[in-house]
Each structure stands twice: as C-alpha cells, then as structure tokens.
Amino acid sequence: MSDNEEKKERCCSTSTAECCKVESVVTIDERGQMILPKELREKAGLVAGDKLVIATSMKEGRFNFLMMFRADDFGDMVKGVVGPVMRTMWMDKQEEK
C-alpha cells in the first residue's frame, strides 16, 4: 500500500464521513472579513443570515486549525457528545450512593 493510500485509509477509517479536503482558499481583507465562495455556499446550503460557529484547536500555543459548523447543527452535536457523558457521570454518582 502506498503512503497516500495508507493516509487516505487512516483518514476515512474512523468515520463514515468523507475524507477532509480543501474546498477553497479564502483571503482575509483589511477589515478582517472573508468571503466564502458562492460555489461553496451553495454546496453547503448557506444563505444570508445563517449563523456559523467557529471552533478552534491549539497546538504549541498557536491555532492549529479552525472549523466552521452551522450553529443549529453544532448545538445538536454538543448535546450528542455531552449528553452521554453527563448521563454516565450521573449514573456513576447514583451507583456511589
């Protein structure tokens, strides 16, 4: 297996989602704004007024990457992750009693 095939398999093997890929390159203007290209907005179904959550990851004191999520979807994702953790913690507390 080539290095590229191995990297692709590792990328995709832990999720049912497609591998990460570069969709576009954007430029930040002098006012700190950026424009998402029309093709990407259409592909993502984004329209004027949609809200996006920006999540970051730090590595060695620097931003490693930024991720954007639809605000509505992000709340559901947080509930999906935090909910089971909170239930487990609550169950553990109940068992301690």
N, C-alpha and C. Protein backbone atom coordinates (compact mmCIF):
# COMPACT_ATOMS: atom_id res chain seq x y z
N MET A 1 0.85 -1.18 0.00
CA MET A 1 0.00 0.00 0.00
C MET A 1 0.89 1.24 0.00
N SER A 2 0.60 2.19 -0.89
CA SER A 2 1.40 3.41 -0.96
C SER A 2 1.12 4.30 0.24
N ASP A 3 2.03 5.27 0.48
CA ASP A 3 1.85 6.21 1.59
C ASP A 3 0.54 6.97 1.45
N ASN A 4 0.20 7.41 0.24
CA ASN A 4 -1.05 8.16 0.03
C ASN A 4 -2.27 7.30 0.33
N GLU A 5 -2.25 6.03 -0.11
CA GLU A 5 -3.37 5.14 0.16
C GLU A 5 -3.52 4.89 1.65
N GLU A 6 -2.37 4.74 2.34
CA GLU A 6 -2.39 4.49 3.77
C GLU A 6 -2.95 5.70 4.51
N LYS A 7 -2.51 6.93 4.12
CA LYS A 7 -3.02 8.15 4.75
C LYS A 7 -4.52 8.28 4.52
N LYS A 8 -4.97 8.00 3.30
CA LYS A 8 -6.39 8.11 2.99
C LYS A 8 -7.18 7.12 3.83
N GLU A 9 -6.69 5.90 3.95
CA GLU A 9 -7.40 4.89 4.72
C GLU A 9 -7.49 5.31 6.18
N ARG A 10 -6.41 5.84 6.76
CA ARG A 10 -6.44 6.28 8.14
C ARG A 10 -7.42 7.43 8.32
N CYS A 11 -7.44 8.34 7.36
CA CYS A 11 -8.34 9.49 7.44
C CYS A 11 -9.79 9.04 7.45
N CYS A 12 -10.13 8.12 6.61
CA CYS A 12 -11.53 7.72 6.44
C CYS A 12 -11.93 6.56 7.33
N SER A 13 -11.00 5.82 7.88
CA SER A 13 -11.35 4.59 8.57
C SER A 13 -12.06 4.82 9.89
N THR A 14 -11.94 6.00 10.50
CA THR A 14 -12.55 6.24 11.80
C THR A 14 -13.90 6.91 11.71
N SER A 15 -14.39 7.16 10.52
CA SER A 15 -15.64 7.88 10.37
C SER A 15 -16.35 7.44 9.10
N THR A 16 -17.66 7.64 9.09
CA THR A 16 -18.41 7.37 7.88
C THR A 16 -18.38 8.57 6.95
N ALA A 17 -17.86 9.71 7.44
CA ALA A 17 -17.79 10.92 6.63
C ALA A 17 -16.68 10.78 5.60
N GLU A 18 -16.81 11.54 4.52
CA GLU A 18 -15.75 11.55 3.52
C GLU A 18 -14.50 12.17 4.12
N CYS A 19 -13.37 11.86 3.52
CA CYS A 19 -12.10 12.43 3.99
C CYS A 19 -12.13 13.94 3.89
N CYS A 20 -11.33 14.55 4.72
CA CYS A 20 -11.21 16.01 4.68
C CYS A 20 -10.57 16.40 3.36
N LYS A 21 -11.02 17.52 2.81
CA LYS A 21 -10.40 18.01 1.60
C LYS A 21 -10.47 19.52 1.57
N VAL A 22 -9.60 20.13 0.82
CA VAL A 22 -9.59 21.58 0.68
C VAL A 22 -10.71 21.95 -0.28
N GLU A 23 -11.66 22.73 0.20
CA GLU A 23 -12.79 23.16 -0.63
C GLU A 23 -12.47 24.46 -1.35
N SER A 24 -11.75 25.34 -0.68
CA SER A 24 -11.41 26.62 -1.28
C SER A 24 -10.34 27.30 -0.44
N VAL A 25 -9.76 28.32 -1.00
CA VAL A 25 -8.81 29.17 -0.29
C VAL A 25 -9.44 30.55 -0.27
N VAL A 26 -9.50 31.15 0.91
CA VAL A 26 -10.09 32.48 1.04
C VAL A 26 -9.04 33.45 1.54
N THR A 27 -9.27 34.72 1.29
CA THR A 27 -8.37 35.78 1.73
C THR A 27 -9.09 36.65 2.74
N ILE A 28 -8.41 37.03 3.79
CA ILE A 28 -8.98 37.94 4.78
C ILE A 28 -8.63 39.35 4.35
N ASP A 29 -9.65 40.21 4.25
CA ASP A 29 -9.40 41.58 3.78
C ASP A 29 -8.93 42.48 4.92
N GLU A 30 -8.71 43.74 4.62
CA GLU A 30 -8.16 44.68 5.59
C GLU A 30 -9.10 44.92 6.77
N ARG A 31 -10.38 44.61 6.61
CA ARG A 31 -11.34 44.74 7.72
C ARG A 31 -11.48 43.44 8.51
N GLY A 32 -10.70 42.42 8.16
CA GLY A 32 -10.75 41.14 8.86
C GLY A 32 -11.87 40.24 8.38
N GLN A 33 -12.46 40.55 7.24
CA GLN A 33 -13.55 39.75 6.72
C GLN A 33 -13.06 38.83 5.61
N MET A 34 -13.82 37.74 5.43
CA MET A 34 -13.51 36.84 4.33
C MET A 34 -14.81 36.47 3.64
N ILE A 35 -14.72 36.10 2.41
CA ILE A 35 -15.89 35.72 1.63
C ILE A 35 -15.79 34.24 1.31
N LEU A 36 -16.86 33.51 1.65
CA LEU A 36 -16.92 32.12 1.24
C LEU A 36 -17.40 32.11 -0.21
N PRO A 37 -16.68 31.45 -1.08
CA PRO A 37 -17.07 31.44 -2.49
C PRO A 37 -18.50 30.93 -2.69
N LYS A 38 -19.18 31.50 -3.69
CA LYS A 38 -20.56 31.16 -3.99
C LYS A 38 -20.75 29.66 -4.15
N GLU A 39 -19.86 29.01 -4.87
CA GLU A 39 -19.98 27.56 -5.10
C GLU A 39 -20.00 26.80 -3.77
N LEU A 40 -19.14 27.21 -2.83
CA LEU A 40 -19.09 26.54 -1.53
C LEU A 40 -20.35 26.83 -0.72
N ARG A 41 -20.81 28.09 -0.74
CA ARG A 41 -22.05 28.42 -0.03
C ARG A 41 -23.22 27.61 -0.56
N GLU A 42 -23.30 27.51 -1.88
CA GLU A 42 -24.40 26.73 -2.49
C GLU A 42 -24.28 25.25 -2.12
N LYS A 43 -23.09 24.71 -2.19
CA LYS A 43 -22.85 23.31 -1.87
C LYS A 43 -23.24 23.01 -0.41
N ALA A 44 -22.94 23.97 0.48
CA ALA A 44 -23.24 23.80 1.90
C ALA A 44 -24.66 24.22 2.25
N GLY A 45 -25.36 24.82 1.29
CA GLY A 45 -26.72 25.29 1.56
C GLY A 45 -26.76 26.50 2.47
N LEU A 46 -25.71 27.31 2.45
CA LEU A 46 -25.64 28.51 3.29
C LEU A 46 -26.29 29.69 2.58
N VAL A 47 -27.07 30.45 3.34
CA VAL A 47 -27.70 31.65 2.78
C VAL A 47 -27.46 32.82 3.73
N ALA A 48 -27.71 34.01 3.23
CA ALA A 48 -27.53 35.22 4.05
C ALA A 48 -28.30 35.07 5.36
N GLY A 49 -27.65 35.42 6.45
CA GLY A 49 -28.27 35.34 7.77
C GLY A 49 -27.98 34.06 8.52
N ASP A 50 -27.48 33.02 7.83
CA ASP A 50 -27.11 31.78 8.53
C ASP A 50 -26.01 32.08 9.53
N LYS A 51 -26.04 31.41 10.66
CA LYS A 51 -25.02 31.59 11.69
C LYS A 51 -24.10 30.38 11.69
N LEU A 52 -22.81 30.66 11.83
CA LEU A 52 -21.80 29.61 11.88
C LEU A 52 -21.05 29.71 13.21
N VAL A 53 -20.71 28.58 13.77
CA VAL A 53 -19.88 28.51 14.97
C VAL A 53 -18.46 28.24 14.50
N ILE A 54 -17.50 28.99 15.03
CA ILE A 54 -16.09 28.76 14.71
C ILE A 54 -15.47 28.06 15.92
N ALA A 55 -14.97 26.86 15.71
CA ALA A 55 -14.28 26.11 16.76
C ALA A 55 -12.80 26.05 16.38
N THR A 56 -11.94 26.11 17.38
CA THR A 56 -10.51 26.13 17.11
C THR A 56 -9.79 25.00 17.84
N SER A 57 -8.60 24.74 17.38
CA SER A 57 -7.71 23.79 18.04
C SER A 57 -6.34 24.46 18.17
N MET A 58 -5.75 24.33 19.33
CA MET A 58 -4.44 24.94 19.58
C MET A 58 -3.36 23.87 19.61
N LYS A 59 -2.20 24.22 19.11
CA LYS A 59 -1.04 23.33 19.19
C LYS A 59 0.17 24.21 19.40
N GLU A 60 0.89 23.94 20.47
CA GLU A 60 2.10 24.68 20.80
C GLU A 60 1.84 26.19 20.84
N GLY A 61 0.70 26.57 21.44
CA GLY A 61 0.39 27.97 21.62
C GLY A 61 -0.12 28.70 20.38
N ARG A 62 -0.35 27.98 19.30
CA ARG A 62 -0.83 28.60 18.06
C ARG A 62 -2.11 27.90 17.61
N PHE A 63 -2.93 28.63 16.90
CA PHE A 63 -4.10 27.99 16.31
C PHE A 63 -3.62 26.96 15.31
N ASN A 64 -4.07 25.76 15.47
CA ASN A 64 -3.72 24.68 14.56
C ASN A 64 -4.70 24.66 13.39
N PHE A 65 -5.99 24.82 13.70
CA PHE A 65 -6.99 24.91 12.64
C PHE A 65 -8.27 25.52 13.18
N LEU A 66 -9.08 25.98 12.26
CA LEU A 66 -10.42 26.49 12.55
C LEU A 66 -11.42 25.58 11.87
N MET A 67 -12.55 25.35 12.52
CA MET A 67 -13.62 24.57 11.91
C MET A 67 -14.89 25.41 11.99
N MET A 68 -15.71 25.32 10.96
CA MET A 68 -16.99 26.03 10.97
C MET A 68 -18.12 25.01 10.96
N PHE A 69 -19.10 25.27 11.80
CA PHE A 69 -20.29 24.43 11.89
C PHE A 69 -21.51 25.33 11.82
N ARG A 70 -22.59 24.82 11.25
CA ARG A 70 -23.85 25.55 11.34
C ARG A 70 -24.21 25.64 12.81
N ALA A 71 -24.65 26.80 13.26
CA ALA A 71 -24.96 26.98 14.68
C ALA A 71 -26.04 25.99 15.14
N ASP A 72 -27.07 25.79 14.33
CA ASP A 72 -28.14 24.85 14.70
C ASP A 72 -27.60 23.43 14.84
N ASP A 73 -26.76 23.00 13.92
CA ASP A 73 -26.20 21.66 13.96
C ASP A 73 -25.23 21.50 15.12
N PHE A 74 -24.50 22.57 15.44
CA PHE A 74 -23.50 22.49 16.50
C PHE A 74 -24.15 22.18 17.84
N GLY A 75 -25.28 22.82 18.11
CA GLY A 75 -25.98 22.54 19.36
C GLY A 75 -26.35 21.07 19.47
N ASP A 76 -26.83 20.50 18.37
CA ASP A 76 -27.18 19.08 18.37
C ASP A 76 -25.95 18.20 18.57
N MET A 77 -24.82 18.61 17.96
CA MET A 77 -23.58 17.83 18.11
C MET A 77 -23.12 17.86 19.57
N VAL A 78 -23.17 19.03 20.19
CA VAL A 78 -22.76 19.15 21.59
C VAL A 78 -23.65 18.28 22.47
N LYS A 79 -24.95 18.35 22.24
CA LYS A 79 -25.86 17.51 23.02
C LYS A 79 -25.54 16.04 22.82
N GLY A 80 -25.20 15.65 21.59
CA GLY A 80 -24.88 14.26 21.30
C GLY A 80 -23.63 13.76 21.99
N VAL A 81 -22.68 14.68 22.22
CA VAL A 81 -21.43 14.30 22.90
C VAL A 81 -21.55 14.49 24.40
N VAL A 82 -22.02 15.66 24.82
CA VAL A 82 -22.08 15.98 26.24
C VAL A 82 -23.17 15.18 26.95
N GLY A 83 -24.30 14.97 26.27
CA GLY A 83 -25.41 14.24 26.89
C GLY A 83 -25.00 12.88 27.43
N PRO A 84 -24.41 12.02 26.59
CA PRO A 84 -23.98 10.71 27.09
C PRO A 84 -22.93 10.80 28.21
N VAL A 85 -22.04 11.77 28.13
CA VAL A 85 -21.03 11.94 29.18
C VAL A 85 -21.72 12.30 30.49
N MET A 86 -22.65 13.25 30.43
CA MET A 86 -23.36 13.67 31.64
C MET A 86 -24.19 12.51 32.21
N ARG A 87 -24.84 11.73 31.33
CA ARG A 87 -25.61 10.58 31.80
C ARG A 87 -24.71 9.58 32.51
N THR A 88 -23.53 9.33 31.94
CA THR A 88 -22.58 8.40 32.56
C THR A 88 -22.14 8.92 33.92
N MET A 89 -21.82 10.21 33.99
CA MET A 89 -21.40 10.79 35.27
C MET A 89 -22.53 10.69 36.29
N TRP A 90 -23.77 10.97 35.87
CA TRP A 90 -24.91 10.91 36.77
C TRP A 90 -25.12 9.48 37.27
N MET A 91 -24.98 8.51 36.35
CA MET A 91 -25.15 7.11 36.72
C MET A 91 -24.07 6.68 37.71
N ASP A 92 -22.83 7.13 37.47
CA ASP A 92 -21.73 6.81 38.38
C ASP A 92 -22.01 7.38 39.77
N LYS A 93 -22.53 8.60 39.83
CA LYS A 93 -22.86 9.23 41.13
C LYS A 93 -23.96 8.44 41.82
N GLN A 94 -24.95 7.96 41.07
CA GLN A 94 -26.04 7.20 41.65
C GLN A 94 -25.54 5.86 42.22
N GLU A 95 -24.58 5.26 41.52
CA GLU A 95 -24.03 3.97 41.99
C GLU A 95 -23.19 4.16 43.24
N GLU A 96 -22.58 5.34 43.41
CA GLU A 96 -21.78 5.61 44.61
C GLU A 96 -22.63 5.72 45.85
N LYS A 97 -23.90 6.09 45.69
CA LYS A 97 -24.79 6.30 46.86
C LYS A 97 -25.20 5.02 47.49
